[in-house]
Amino acid sequence: MRIDKFLKVSRIIKRRSVAKEIADKGRIFINDKTAKSSSDVRVGDDVKIVFGNKTLTIKVNQILDTTKKDEAQQMYEIISEKYERDYKNE
């Protein structure tokens, strides 16, 4: 499954167009390789997403074409969630 579709179906990112834009800016990595929006993601892959000051790393547990809201979190496992602090305001 394409990474942009996976991020939308798993509800990590609300809109596929936003997932595509983030991927095309080089802010999504699959197994430490820069991913394009059309890159395929498979079960067992590690995906790192950089959102501004937050970096989310997940492991893909399953691929589903559609999900209900309560089933979406079963598609992935959060490995780490890091926030960068803004030291300019201290």
PDB file of N, CA and C in Angstrom:
ATOM      1  N   MET A   1       0.846  -1.179   0.000  1.00  0.00           N
ATOM      2  CA  MET A   1       0.000   0.000   0.000  1.00  0.00           C
ATOM      3  C   MET A   1       0.890   1.241   0.000  1.00  0.00           C
ATOM      4  N   ARG A   2       0.456   2.256  -0.708  1.00  0.00           N
ATOM      5  CA  ARG A   2       1.187   3.527  -0.739  1.00  0.00           C
ATOM      6  C   ARG A   2       1.230   4.137   0.662  1.00  0.00           C
ATOM      7  N   ILE A   3       2.342   4.797   0.984  1.00  0.00           N
ATOM      8  CA  ILE A   3       2.506   5.386   2.312  1.00  0.00           C
ATOM      9  C   ILE A   3       1.464   6.473   2.575  1.00  0.00           C
ATOM     10  N   ASP A   4       1.118   7.278   1.574  1.00  0.00           N
ATOM     11  CA  ASP A   4       0.127   8.336   1.815  1.00  0.00           C
ATOM     12  C   ASP A   4      -1.242   7.747   2.161  1.00  0.00           C
ATOM     13  N   LYS A   5      -1.611   6.664   1.505  1.00  0.00           N
ATOM     14  CA  LYS A   5      -2.884   6.011   1.804  1.00  0.00           C
ATOM     15  C   LYS A   5      -2.839   5.334   3.175  1.00  0.00           C
ATOM     16  N   PHE A   6      -1.720   4.688   3.507  1.00  0.00           N
ATOM     17  CA  PHE A   6      -1.590   4.046   4.812  1.00  0.00           C
ATOM     18  C   PHE A   6      -1.763   5.059   5.940  1.00  0.00           C
ATOM     19  N   LEU A   7      -1.117   6.214   5.818  1.00  0.00           N
ATOM     20  CA  LEU A   7      -1.198   7.238   6.861  1.00  0.00           C
ATOM     21  C   LEU A   7      -2.619   7.762   7.024  1.00  0.00           C
ATOM     22  N   LYS A   8      -3.374   7.853   5.935  1.00  0.00           N
ATOM     23  CA  LYS A   8      -4.759   8.296   6.008  1.00  0.00           C
ATOM     24  C   LYS A   8      -5.649   7.213   6.613  1.00  0.00           C
ATOM     25  N   VAL A   9      -5.552   5.974   6.111  1.00  0.00           N
ATOM     26  CA  VAL A   9      -6.399   4.882   6.597  1.00  0.00           C
ATOM     27  C   VAL A   9      -6.140   4.602   8.076  1.00  0.00           C
ATOM     28  N   SER A  10      -4.872   4.695   8.493  1.00  0.00           N
ATOM     29  CA  SER A  10      -4.531   4.448   9.901  1.00  0.00           C
ATOM     30  C   SER A  10      -4.848   5.648  10.792  1.00  0.00           C
ATOM     31  N   ARG A  11      -5.259   6.743  10.170  1.00  0.00           N
ATOM     32  CA  ARG A  11      -5.637   7.973  10.861  1.00  0.00           C
ATOM     33  C   ARG A  11      -4.469   8.654  11.603  1.00  0.00           C
ATOM     34  N   ILE A  12      -3.254   8.392  11.152  1.00  0.00           N
ATOM     35  CA  ILE A  12      -2.105   9.120  11.683  1.00  0.00           C
ATOM     36  C   ILE A  12      -2.133  10.538  11.136  1.00  0.00           C
ATOM     37  N   ILE A  13      -2.504  10.667   9.854  1.00  0.00           N
ATOM     38  CA  ILE A  13      -2.705  11.964   9.212  1.00  0.00           C
ATOM     39  C   ILE A  13      -4.125  11.963   8.661  1.00  0.00           C
ATOM     40  N   LYS A  14      -4.854  13.028   8.895  1.00  0.00           N
ATOM     41  CA  LYS A  14      -6.292  13.063   8.578  1.00  0.00           C
ATOM     42  C   LYS A  14      -6.615  13.022   7.088  1.00  0.00           C
ATOM     43  N   ARG A  15      -5.791  13.696   6.270  1.00  0.00           N
ATOM     44  CA  ARG A  15      -6.096  13.774   4.837  1.00  0.00           C
ATOM     45  C   ARG A  15      -4.949  13.208   4.013  1.00  0.00           C
ATOM     46  N   ARG A  16      -5.305  12.491   2.963  1.00  0.00           N
ATOM     47  CA  ARG A  16      -4.287  11.898   2.089  1.00  0.00           C
ATOM     48  C   ARG A  16      -3.472  12.980   1.394  1.00  0.00           C
ATOM     49  N   SER A  17      -4.100  14.091   1.053  1.00  0.00           N
ATOM     50  CA  SER A  17      -3.372  15.176   0.387  1.00  0.00           C
ATOM     51  C   SER A  17      -2.292  15.750   1.305  1.00  0.00           C
ATOM     52  N   VAL A  18      -2.572  15.815   2.606  1.00  0.00           N
ATOM     53  CA  VAL A  18      -1.578  16.306   3.566  1.00  0.00           C
ATOM     54  C   VAL A  18      -0.443  15.290   3.695  1.00  0.00           C
ATOM     55  N   ALA A  19      -0.770  13.999   3.737  1.00  0.00           N
ATOM     56  CA  ALA A  19       0.249  12.950   3.797  1.00  0.00           C
ATOM     57  C   ALA A  19       1.142  13.005   2.563  1.00  0.00           C
ATOM     58  N   LYS A  20       0.540  13.227   1.412  1.00  0.00           N
ATOM     59  CA  LYS A  20       1.301  13.318   0.159  1.00  0.00           C
ATOM     60  C   LYS A  20       2.249  14.507   0.199  1.00  0.00           C
ATOM     61  N   GLU A  21       1.764  15.634   0.678  1.00  0.00           N
ATOM     62  CA  GLU A  21       2.579  16.846   0.748  1.00  0.00           C
ATOM     63  C   GLU A  21       3.775  16.654   1.688  1.00  0.00           C
ATOM     64  N   ILE A  22       3.547  16.048   2.850  1.00  0.00           N
ATOM     65  CA  ILE A  22       4.628  15.806   3.815  1.00  0.00           C
ATOM     66  C   ILE A  22       5.667  14.858   3.217  1.00  0.00           C
ATOM     67  N   ALA A  23       5.200  13.803   2.554  1.00  0.00           N
ATOM     68  CA  ALA A  23       6.122  12.842   1.944  1.00  0.00           C
ATOM     69  C   ALA A  23       6.943  13.501   0.841  1.00  0.00           C
ATOM     70  N   ASP A  24       6.307  14.307   0.014  1.00  0.00           N
ATOM     71  CA  ASP A  24       7.005  14.948  -1.099  1.00  0.00           C
ATOM     72  C   ASP A  24       8.012  15.992  -0.637  1.00  0.00           C
ATOM     73  N   LYS A  25       7.895  16.450   0.619  1.00  0.00           N
ATOM     74  CA  LYS A  25       8.872  17.376   1.191  1.00  0.00           C
ATOM     75  C   LYS A  25      10.034  16.628   1.843  1.00  0.00           C
ATOM     76  N   GLY A  26      10.022  15.291   1.780  1.00  0.00           N
ATOM     77  CA  GLY A  26      11.119  14.501   2.337  1.00  0.00           C
ATOM     78  C   GLY A  26      11.067  14.343   3.836  1.00  0.00           C
ATOM     79  N   ARG A  27       9.877  14.406   4.421  1.00  0.00           N
ATOM     80  CA  ARG A  27       9.746  14.333   5.874  1.00  0.00           C
ATOM     81  C   ARG A  27       9.197  12.990   6.352  1.00  0.00           C
ATOM     82  N   ILE A  28       9.129  12.002   5.456  1.00  0.00           N
ATOM     83  CA  ILE A  28       8.707  10.651   5.827  1.00  0.00           C
ATOM     84  C   ILE A  28       9.802   9.685   5.396  1.00  0.00           C
ATOM     85  N   PHE A  29      10.153   8.775   6.310  1.00  0.00           N
ATOM     86  CA  PHE A  29      11.199   7.793   6.052  1.00  0.00           C
ATOM     87  C   PHE A  29      10.646   6.399   6.311  1.00  0.00           C
ATOM     88  N   ILE A  30      10.913   5.465   5.390  1.00  0.00           N
ATOM     89  CA  ILE A  30      10.544   4.068   5.571  1.00  0.00           C
ATOM     90  C   ILE A  30      11.849   3.295   5.699  1.00  0.00           C
ATOM     91  N   ASN A  31      12.034   2.646   6.848  1.00  0.00           N
ATOM     92  CA  ASN A  31      13.279   1.909   7.127  1.00  0.00           C
ATOM     93  C   ASN A  31      14.506   2.781   6.871  1.00  0.00           C
ATOM     94  N   ASP A  32      14.463   4.022   7.370  1.00  0.00           N
ATOM     95  CA  ASP A  32      15.559   4.999   7.277  1.00  0.00           C
ATOM     96  C   ASP A  32      15.881   5.475   5.867  1.00  0.00           C
ATOM     97  N   LYS A  33      14.978   5.242   4.914  1.00  0.00           N
ATOM     98  CA  LYS A  33      15.151   5.756   3.557  1.00  0.00           C
ATOM     99  C   LYS A  33      14.039   6.761   3.281  1.00  0.00           C
ATOM    100  N   THR A  34      14.381   7.884   2.674  1.00  0.00           N
ATOM    101  CA  THR A  34      13.388   8.905   2.361  1.00  0.00           C
ATOM    102  C   THR A  34      12.313   8.312   1.454  1.00  0.00           C
ATOM    103  N   ALA A  35      11.056   8.553   1.818  1.00  0.00           N
ATOM    104  CA  ALA A  35       9.931   7.990   1.068  1.00  0.00           C
ATOM    105  C   ALA A  35       9.223   9.073   0.275  1.00  0.00           C
ATOM    106  N   LYS A  36       8.746   8.695  -0.889  1.00  0.00           N
ATOM    107  CA  LYS A  36       7.851   9.552  -1.667  1.00  0.00           C
ATOM    108  C   LYS A  36       6.429   9.125  -1.326  1.00  0.00           C
ATOM    109  N   SER A  37       5.455   9.909  -1.733  1.00  0.00           N
ATOM    110  CA  SER A  37       4.058   9.570  -1.423  1.00  0.00           C
ATOM    111  C   SER A  37       3.640   8.250  -2.060  1.00  0.00           C
ATOM    112  N   SER A  38       4.295   7.859  -3.133  1.00  0.00           N
ATOM    113  CA  SER A  38       3.952   6.617  -3.821  1.00  0.00           C
ATOM    114  C   SER A  38       4.742   5.410  -3.320  1.00  0.00           C
ATOM    115  N   SER A  39       5.646   5.618  -2.344  1.00  0.00           N
ATOM    116  CA  SER A  39       6.444   4.507  -1.820  1.00  0.00           C
ATOM    117  C   SER A  39       5.552   3.486  -1.137  1.00  0.00           C
ATOM    118  N   ASP A  40       5.875   2.208  -1.333  1.00  0.00           N
ATOM    119  CA  ASP A  40       5.089   1.146  -0.708  1.00  0.00           C
ATOM    120  C   ASP A  40       5.535   0.916   0.723  1.00  0.00           C
ATOM    121  N   VAL A  41       4.557   0.642   1.582  1.00  0.00           N
ATOM    122  CA  VAL A  41       4.825   0.287   2.970  1.00  0.00           C
ATOM    123  C   VAL A  41       4.309  -1.138   3.173  1.00  0.00           C
ATOM    124  N   ARG A  42       5.068  -1.933   3.941  1.00  0.00           N
ATOM    125  CA  ARG A  42       4.711  -3.336   4.179  1.00  0.00           C
ATOM    126  C   ARG A  42       4.691  -3.615   5.676  1.00  0.00           C
ATOM    127  N   VAL A  43       4.064  -4.709   6.059  1.00  0.00           N
ATOM    128  CA  VAL A  43       4.036  -5.132   7.458  1.00  0.00           C
ATOM    129  C   VAL A  43       5.475  -5.330   7.926  1.00  0.00           C
ATOM    130  N   GLY A  44       5.792  -4.777   9.097  1.00  0.00           N
ATOM    131  CA  GLY A  44       7.135  -4.883   9.658  1.00  0.00           C
ATOM    132  C   GLY A  44       8.010  -3.680   9.394  1.00  0.00           C
ATOM    133  N   ASP A  45       7.598  -2.790   8.488  1.00  0.00           N
ATOM    134  CA  ASP A  45       8.390  -1.596   8.183  1.00  0.00           C
ATOM    135  C   ASP A  45       8.352  -0.612   9.346  1.00  0.00           C
ATOM    136  N   ASP A  46       9.466   0.098   9.530  1.00  0.00           N
ATOM    137  CA  ASP A  46       9.525   1.217  10.471  1.00  0.00           C
ATOM    138  C   ASP A  46       9.325   2.497   9.670  1.00  0.00           C
ATOM    139  N   VAL A  47       8.403   3.329  10.129  1.00  0.00           N
ATOM    140  CA  VAL A  47       8.084   4.582   9.437  1.00  0.00           C
ATOM    141  C   VAL A  47       8.340   5.735  10.399  1.00  0.00           C
ATOM    142  N   LYS A  48       9.128   6.716   9.946  1.00  0.00           N
ATOM    143  CA  LYS A  48       9.396   7.917  10.750  1.00  0.00           C
ATOM    144  C   LYS A  48       8.787   9.106  10.032  1.00  0.00           C
ATOM    145  N   ILE A  49       7.995   9.890  10.775  1.00  0.00           N
ATOM    146  CA  ILE A  49       7.314  11.058  10.211  1.00  0.00           C
ATOM    147  C   ILE A  49       7.738  12.286  11.015  1.00  0.00           C
ATOM    148  N   VAL A  50       8.205  13.313  10.313  1.00  0.00           N
ATOM    149  CA  VAL A  50       8.636  14.547  10.970  1.00  0.00           C
ATOM    150  C   VAL A  50       7.560  15.608  10.750  1.00  0.00           C
ATOM    151  N   PHE A  51       6.890  15.992  11.860  1.00  0.00           N
ATOM    152  CA  PHE A  51       5.887  17.062  11.836  1.00  0.00           C
ATOM    153  C   PHE A  51       6.486  18.241  12.585  1.00  0.00           C
ATOM    154  N   GLY A  52       6.935  19.245  11.921  1.00  0.00           N
ATOM    155  CA  GLY A  52       7.443  20.445  12.610  1.00  0.00           C
ATOM    156  C   GLY A  52       8.384  20.111  13.753  1.00  0.00           C
ATOM    157  N   ASN A  53       7.888  20.235  15.007  1.00  0.00           N
ATOM    158  CA  ASN A  53       8.741  19.973  16.168  1.00  0.00           C
ATOM    159  C   ASN A  53       8.502  18.585  16.769  1.00  0.00           C
ATOM    160  N   LYS A  54       7.758  17.731  16.104  1.00  0.00           N
ATOM    161  CA  LYS A  54       7.458  16.389  16.600  1.00  0.00           C
ATOM    162  C   LYS A  54       7.932  15.350  15.591  1.00  0.00           C
ATOM    163  N   THR A  55       8.572  14.290  16.093  1.00  0.00           N
ATOM    164  CA  THR A  55       8.987  13.174  15.245  1.00  0.00           C
ATOM    165  C   THR A  55       8.323  11.912  15.785  1.00  0.00           C
ATOM    166  N   LEU A  56       7.538  11.259  14.940  1.00  0.00           N
ATOM    167  CA  LEU A  56       6.810  10.052  15.311  1.00  0.00           C
ATOM    168  C   LEU A  56       7.404   8.871  14.560  1.00  0.00           C
ATOM    169  N   THR A  57       7.757   7.817  15.293  1.00  0.00           N
ATOM    170  CA  THR A  57       8.276   6.598  14.683  1.00  0.00           C
ATOM    171  C   THR A  57       7.317   5.459  15.019  1.00  0.00           C
ATOM    172  N   ILE A  58       6.874   4.759  13.976  1.00  0.00           N
ATOM    173  CA  ILE A  58       5.916   3.663  14.162  1.00  0.00           C
ATOM    174  C   ILE A  58       6.415   2.401  13.469  1.00  0.00           C
ATOM    175  N   LYS A  59       5.851   1.272  13.891  1.00  0.00           N
ATOM    176  CA  LYS A  59       6.089  -0.007  13.212  1.00  0.00           C
ATOM    177  C   LYS A  59       4.756  -0.445  12.631  1.00  0.00           C
ATOM    178  N   VAL A  60       4.747  -0.834  11.369  1.00  0.00           N
ATOM    179  CA  VAL A  60       3.525  -1.245  10.681  1.00  0.00           C
ATOM    180  C   VAL A  60       3.176  -2.673  11.110  1.00  0.00           C
ATOM    181  N   ASN A  61       1.985  -2.856  11.694  1.00  0.00           N
ATOM    182  CA  ASN A  61       1.540  -4.176  12.151  1.00  0.00           C
ATOM    183  C   ASN A  61       0.642  -4.870  11.142  1.00  0.00           C
ATOM    184  N   GLN A  62      -0.180  -4.098  10.436  1.00  0.00           N
ATOM    185  CA  GLN A  62      -1.066  -4.680   9.437  1.00  0.00           C
ATOM    186  C   GLN A  62      -1.474  -3.634   8.417  1.00  0.00           C
ATOM    187  N   ILE A  63      -1.862  -4.120   7.249  1.00  0.00           N
ATOM    188  CA  ILE A  63      -2.307  -3.254   6.163  1.00  0.00           C
ATOM    189  C   ILE A  63      -3.781  -3.553   5.918  1.00  0.00           C
ATOM    190  N   LEU A  64      -4.617  -2.535   6.025  1.00  0.00           N
ATOM    191  CA  LEU A  64      -6.050  -2.669   5.763  1.00  0.00           C
ATOM    192  C   LEU A  64      -6.462  -1.585   4.778  1.00  0.00           C
ATOM    193  N   ASP A  65      -7.360  -1.932   3.840  1.00  0.00           N
ATOM    194  CA  ASP A  65      -7.822  -0.939   2.864  1.00  0.00           C
ATOM    195  C   ASP A  65      -8.751   0.090   3.486  1.00  0.00           C
ATOM    196  N   THR A  66      -9.566  -0.337   4.432  1.00  0.00           N
ATOM    197  CA  THR A  66     -10.457   0.573   5.158  1.00  0.00           C
ATOM    198  C   THR A  66     -10.507   0.135   6.613  1.00  0.00           C
ATOM    199  N   THR A  67     -10.765   1.077   7.499  1.00  0.00           N
ATOM    200  CA  THR A  67     -10.881   0.742   8.920  1.00  0.00           C
ATOM    201  C   THR A  67     -11.932   1.610   9.569  1.00  0.00           C
ATOM    202  N   LYS A  68     -12.421   1.133  10.680  1.00  0.00           N
ATOM    203  CA  LYS A  68     -13.242   1.954  11.558  1.00  0.00           C
ATOM    204  C   LYS A  68     -12.290   2.651  12.513  1.00  0.00           C
ATOM    205  N   LYS A  69     -12.754   3.710  13.141  1.00  0.00           N
ATOM    206  CA  LYS A  69     -11.898   4.517  13.989  1.00  0.00           C
ATOM    207  C   LYS A  69     -11.209   3.684  15.076  1.00  0.00           C
ATOM    208  N   ASP A  70     -11.948   2.787  15.719  1.00  0.00           N
ATOM    209  CA  ASP A  70     -11.364   1.999  16.807  1.00  0.00           C
ATOM    210  C   ASP A  70     -10.399   0.921  16.319  1.00  0.00           C
ATOM    211  N   GLU A  71     -10.447   0.548  15.045  1.00  0.00           N
ATOM    212  CA  GLU A  71      -9.538  -0.453  14.483  1.00  0.00           C
ATOM    213  C   GLU A  71      -8.263   0.163  13.922  1.00  0.00           C
ATOM    214  N   ALA A  72      -8.261   1.458  13.690  1.00  0.00           N
ATOM    215  CA  ALA A  72      -7.138   2.120  13.017  1.00  0.00           C
ATOM    216  C   ALA A  72      -5.833   1.979  13.792  1.00  0.00           C
ATOM    217  N   GLN A  73      -5.863   2.078  15.114  1.00  0.00           N
ATOM    218  CA  GLN A  73      -4.635   2.009  15.905  1.00  0.00           C
ATOM    219  C   GLN A  73      -4.022   0.614  15.912  1.00  0.00           C
ATOM    220  N   GLN A  74      -4.767  -0.398  15.511  1.00  0.00           N
ATOM    221  CA  GLN A  74      -4.216  -1.753  15.434  1.00  0.00           C
ATOM    222  C   GLN A  74      -3.298  -1.915  14.222  1.00  0.00           C
ATOM    223  N   MET A  75      -3.339  -0.964  13.304  1.00  0.00           N
ATOM    224  CA  MET A  75      -2.510  -1.034  12.099  1.00  0.00           C
ATOM    225  C   MET A  75      -1.044  -0.724  12.380  1.00  0.00           C
ATOM    226  N   TYR A  76      -0.757  -0.076  13.514  1.00  0.00           N
ATOM    227  CA  TYR A  76       0.616   0.329  13.810  1.00  0.00           C
ATOM    228  C   TYR A  76       0.877   0.317  15.307  1.00  0.00           C
ATOM    229  N   GLU A  77       2.157   0.350  15.640  1.00  0.00           N
ATOM    230  CA  GLU A  77       2.597   0.428  17.026  1.00  0.00           C
ATOM    231  C   GLU A  77       3.560   1.605  17.119  1.00  0.00           C
ATOM    232  N   ILE A  78       3.359   2.480  18.093  1.00  0.00           N
ATOM    233  CA  ILE A  78       4.246   3.632  18.256  1.00  0.00           C
ATOM    234  C   ILE A  78       5.545   3.169  18.913  1.00  0.00           C
ATOM    235  N   ILE A  79       6.653   3.416  18.232  1.00  0.00           N
ATOM    236  CA  ILE A  79       7.967   3.071  18.772  1.00  0.00           C
ATOM    237  C   ILE A  79       8.502   4.233  19.597  1.00  0.00           C
ATOM    238  N   SER A  80       8.405   5.451  19.042  1.00  0.00           N
ATOM    239  CA  SER A  80       8.832   6.633  19.790  1.00  0.00           C
ATOM    240  C   SER A  80       8.099   7.869  19.285  1.00  0.00           C
ATOM    241  N   GLU A  81       8.004   8.842  20.188  1.00  0.00           N
ATOM    242  CA  GLU A  81       7.361  10.123  19.882  1.00  0.00           C
ATOM    243  C   GLU A  81       8.196  11.193  20.567  1.00  0.00           C
ATOM    244  N   LYS A  82       8.969  11.935  19.779  1.00  0.00           N
ATOM    245  CA  LYS A  82       9.885  12.917  20.338  1.00  0.00           C
ATOM    246  C   LYS A  82       9.457  14.327  19.966  1.00  0.00           C
ATOM    247  N   TYR A  83       9.612  15.228  20.914  1.00  0.00           N
ATOM    248  CA  TYR A  83       9.322  16.644  20.689  1.00  0.00           C
ATOM    249  C   TYR A  83      10.613  17.433  20.841  1.00  0.00           C
ATOM    250  N   GLU A  84      10.871  18.334  19.897  1.00  0.00           N
ATOM    251  CA  GLU A  84      12.027  19.223  20.003  1.00  0.00           C
ATOM    252  C   GLU A  84      11.580  20.484  20.706  1.00  0.00           C
ATOM    253  N   ARG A  85      12.368  20.906  21.655  1.00  0.00           N
ATOM    254  CA  ARG A  85      12.037  22.121  22.405  1.00  0.00           C
ATOM    255  C   ARG A  85      12.588  23.354  21.693  1.00  0.00           C
ATOM    256  N   ASP A  86      11.852  24.417  21.828  1.00  0.00           N
ATOM    257  CA  ASP A  86      12.289  25.680  21.242  1.00  0.00           C
ATOM    258  C   ASP A  86      13.099  26.414  22.304  1.00  0.00           C
ATOM    259  N   TYR A  87      14.433  26.379  22.184  1.00  0.00           N
ATOM    260  CA  TYR A  87      15.316  26.980  23.188  1.00  0.00           C
ATOM    261  C   TYR A  87      15.377  28.499  23.088  1.00  0.00           C
ATOM    262  N   LYS A  88      14.867  29.079  22.012  1.00  0.00           N
ATOM    263  CA  LYS A  88      14.905  30.527  21.852  1.00  0.00           C
ATOM    264  C   LYS A  88      13.999  31.234  22.852  1.00  0.00           C
ATOM    265  N   ASN A  89      12.954  30.569  23.298  1.00  0.00           N
ATOM    266  CA  ASN A  89      11.988  31.200  24.204  1.00  0.00           C
ATOM    267  C   ASN A  89      12.306  30.999  25.675  1.00  0.00           C
ATOM    268  N   GLU A  90      13.423  30.369  26.005  1.00  0.00           N
ATOM    269  CA  GLU A  90      13.766  30.149  27.412  1.00  0.00           C
ATOM    270  C   GLU A  90      14.546  31.280  27.984  1.00  0.00           C
TER     271      GLU A  90
END
